[in-house]
Every structure is written in structure tokens, then in C-alpha cells.
Protein backbone atom coordinates (compact mmCIF):
# COMPACT_ATOMS: atom_id res chain seq x y z
CA MET A 1 0.00 0.00 0.00
CA ALA A 2 2.88 2.38 0.70
CA TYR A 3 3.92 2.04 -2.95
CA ILE A 4 0.53 3.38 -4.04
CA ILE A 5 0.24 6.16 -1.46
CA ASP A 6 3.82 7.33 -2.03
CA LYS A 7 3.94 10.95 -3.23
CA SER A 8 6.40 10.06 -5.95
CA ARG A 9 5.87 11.47 -9.43
CA ILE A 10 7.63 8.56 -11.08
CA ARG A 11 5.31 7.63 -13.95
CA ASP A 12 5.08 3.93 -13.00
CA LYS A 13 3.85 4.82 -9.53
CA VAL A 14 1.51 7.51 -10.83
CA ASN A 15 -0.01 5.03 -13.29
CA VAL A 16 -0.82 2.59 -10.49
CA ARG A 17 -2.41 5.37 -8.41
CA GLU A 18 -4.52 6.54 -11.34
CA ILE A 19 -5.77 3.02 -12.01
CA CYS A 20 -6.64 2.71 -8.33
CA TYR A 21 -8.55 6.02 -8.46
CA ASP A 22 -10.59 4.63 -11.34
CA MET A 23 -11.26 1.35 -9.55
CA LEU A 24 -12.42 3.13 -6.41
CA ARG A 25 -14.56 5.56 -8.38
CA THR A 26 -16.12 2.70 -10.36
CA HIS A 27 -16.62 0.13 -7.60
CA THR A 28 -17.37 2.18 -4.47
CA MET A 29 -19.69 4.94 -3.42
CA GLY A 30 -16.71 7.03 -2.31
CA THR A 31 -16.65 10.70 -3.17
CA LEU A 32 -13.69 12.26 -4.94
CA LYS A 33 -12.71 13.88 -1.65
CA GLU A 34 -12.83 10.52 0.18
CA ILE A 35 -10.73 8.87 -2.51
CA ALA A 36 -8.20 11.69 -2.30
CA GLN A 37 -7.99 11.29 1.48
CA LYS A 38 -7.34 7.53 1.14
CA PHE A 39 -4.24 8.41 -0.88
CA GLY A 40 -3.08 11.16 1.45
CA LYS A 41 -4.02 13.88 -1.01
CA LYS A 42 -5.27 17.26 0.14
CA CYS A 43 -7.71 17.93 -2.65
CA HIS A 44 -10.18 16.05 -4.83
CA SER A 45 -8.77 17.82 -7.90
CA THR A 46 -5.80 15.45 -7.82
CA VAL A 47 -8.20 12.54 -8.27
CA ILE A 48 -10.09 14.36 -11.05
CA ASN A 49 -6.82 14.91 -12.91
CA GLY A 50 -5.82 11.28 -12.34
CA LEU A 51 -9.16 10.04 -13.69
CA GLU A 52 -8.77 12.21 -16.78
CA ASN A 53 -5.25 10.89 -17.32
CA HIS A 54 -6.53 7.33 -16.85
CA ALA A 55 -9.23 7.80 -19.49
CA ASN A 56 -6.75 9.31 -21.95
CA PHE A 57 -4.12 6.61 -21.42
CA MET A 58 -6.72 3.85 -21.75
CA GLN A 59 -7.56 5.19 -25.21
CA THR A 60 -4.03 5.80 -26.43
CA GLU A 61 -1.51 3.58 -24.62
CA ALA A 62 -1.47 -0.20 -25.09
CA ASN A 63 1.05 -0.68 -22.26
CA TYR A 64 -1.18 1.27 -19.89
CA ARG A 65 -4.21 -0.85 -20.84
CA GLU A 66 -2.14 -3.97 -20.15
CA LEU A 67 -1.12 -2.62 -16.73
CA ASP A 68 -4.74 -1.78 -15.97
CA THR A 69 -5.82 -5.33 -16.81
CA LYS A 70 -3.06 -6.84 -14.64
CA ILE A 71 -3.90 -4.67 -11.64
CA ARG A 72 -7.63 -5.35 -11.89
CA THR A 73 -7.02 -9.10 -12.25
CA LEU A 74 -4.75 -9.17 -9.19
CA PHE A 75 -7.24 -7.13 -7.22
CA LEU A 76 -10.11 -9.46 -8.09
CA GLN A 77 -8.02 -12.53 -7.24
CA HIS A 78 -7.19 -11.10 -3.81
CA LEU A 79 -10.79 -10.06 -3.29
CA LYS A 80 -11.98 -13.57 -4.13
CA GLN A 81 -9.45 -15.11 -1.72
CA TYR A 82 -10.55 -12.71 1.02
CA THR A 83 -14.23 -13.39 0.33
CA ASP A 84 -13.66 -17.15 0.31
CA TYR A 85 -11.79 -16.88 3.63
CA GLU A 86 -14.54 -14.73 5.17
CA ASN A 87 -17.23 -17.17 4.02
CA LYS A 88 -15.41 -20.11 5.64
CA ASN A 89 -15.18 -18.39 9.03
């Protein structure tokens, strides 16, 4: 989680954060302000900018789309494992 919340502007880290913004915006009822706070950001405008970047990169960058797919797949795998564990207990 520290990798994602890190304030680094290294493009690889920023890409992961922007994908996470999109996942949270898509799959939760969280407001932009709440999403920003989860990432240690002061303002929701950072999330808005990240979502705009995400949309643009998804349309134009094959490598970014591949990264998005990998992250979402890993997330869903972990979610399934967690859900399976919770259902057993």
C-alpha cells in the first residue's frame, strides 16, 4: 500500500495510483474527496486529474491498458481469496 500512497511522481507509480482512483470511483460509493484522502491527497482535484489521465491513457496507450488489466485481475483474485476466507469463518 505504501507504494501506491507514495507521493512520488515517477510515472510507473503515478499510473498505479490513477488506475486505483478509477477502480475506487467505479466500484465504491466514495466521493472524490474521500478517494483523495485515502491516498493522502489534500484535494479532490488530484483525483479528477488522475481520472482524466486514466481515461486518456486507456484510449491511447497499449502498455497502460495492459497494466490496468493486470492490476484489476490481481485485485479481483485477492478479493476472491478474502471473500472465500470470510465465508469459511
